[in-house]
Protein backbone atom coordinates (compact mmCIF):
# COMPACT_ATOMS: atom_id res chain seq x y z
CA MET A 1 108.34 107.75 124.95
CA LEU A 2 110.35 105.19 123.33
CA ASN A 3 107.74 102.74 123.21
CA GLN A 4 105.43 105.71 121.11
CA LEU A 5 108.58 105.26 118.43
CA LYS A 6 107.97 101.56 117.53
CA LYS A 7 105.89 100.82 115.04
CA GLU A 8 103.92 97.92 117.06
CA SER A 9 102.45 100.97 119.07
CA GLU A 10 98.52 101.32 118.50
CA GLU A 11 99.29 105.68 119.29
CA SER A 12 102.46 106.43 118.41
CA CYS A 13 104.49 108.95 116.99
CA TYR A 14 106.16 106.34 114.83
CA ASP A 15 104.78 107.98 111.39
CA ILE A 16 106.20 111.60 112.11
CA TYR A 17 109.40 109.75 113.19
CA ARG A 18 109.82 107.89 109.98
CA ARG A 19 109.27 111.00 108.34
CA CYS A 20 111.33 113.06 110.03
CA SER A 21 113.99 110.50 109.38
CA LEU A 22 113.66 110.39 105.82
CA ALA A 23 114.08 113.91 105.60
CA VAL A 24 117.07 114.11 107.69
CA LEU A 25 118.74 111.37 105.23
CA ASN A 26 117.38 113.08 101.68
CA VAL A 27 119.14 116.38 103.13
CA GLY A 28 121.24 117.93 99.85
CA ASN A 29 118.78 115.92 97.46
CA GLU A 30 117.52 117.97 94.75
CA ILE A 31 113.74 116.77 95.83
CA ASP A 32 111.82 119.15 98.19
CA ASP A 33 108.84 117.47 97.72
CA THR A 34 107.45 115.43 100.60
CA LYS A 35 104.94 113.66 98.60
CA GLN A 36 107.27 112.39 96.09
CA LEU A 37 109.88 111.58 98.54
CA LEU A 38 107.42 109.37 100.57
CA ASP A 39 106.17 107.65 97.30
CA GLU A 40 109.75 106.99 95.93
CA PHE A 41 111.26 105.43 99.16
CA SER A 42 107.88 103.72 100.27
CA ASP A 43 109.11 100.71 101.56
CA PHE A 44 111.56 102.94 104.12
CA ASP A 45 111.30 101.92 107.55
CA ILE A 46 113.38 102.65 110.81
CA ARG A 47 113.06 100.61 113.78
CA VAL A 48 114.01 101.77 117.31
CA ILE A 49 115.49 98.44 119.33
CA GLN A 50 116.20 99.02 123.06
CA GLN A 51 119.45 97.61 124.35
CA GLU A 52 121.17 97.11 127.62
CA ARG A 53 123.25 100.08 127.12
CA GLY A 54 121.39 102.52 124.87
CA ILE A 55 119.16 102.01 121.61
CA LYS A 56 119.95 100.71 118.27
CA LEU A 57 118.36 102.47 114.99
CA GLU A 58 118.02 99.81 112.04
CA VAL A 59 117.35 101.56 108.48
CA GLU A 60 115.71 99.48 105.59
CA ASN A 61 115.60 100.97 102.22
CA ALA A 62 117.45 104.11 102.69
């Protein structure tokens, strides 16, 4: 499952994961238009990095 959340995966859940993460980070924001939010944060990226004792989330341009 973890590999499906990675951007590099051919058939991944990355896009859905990215959109959900952006939505969670924008809770309380007055903007409720998904398209507008995605346009405004088009350079937003989130990566899952597997580590020895779990995972690390690397967030850019949030």
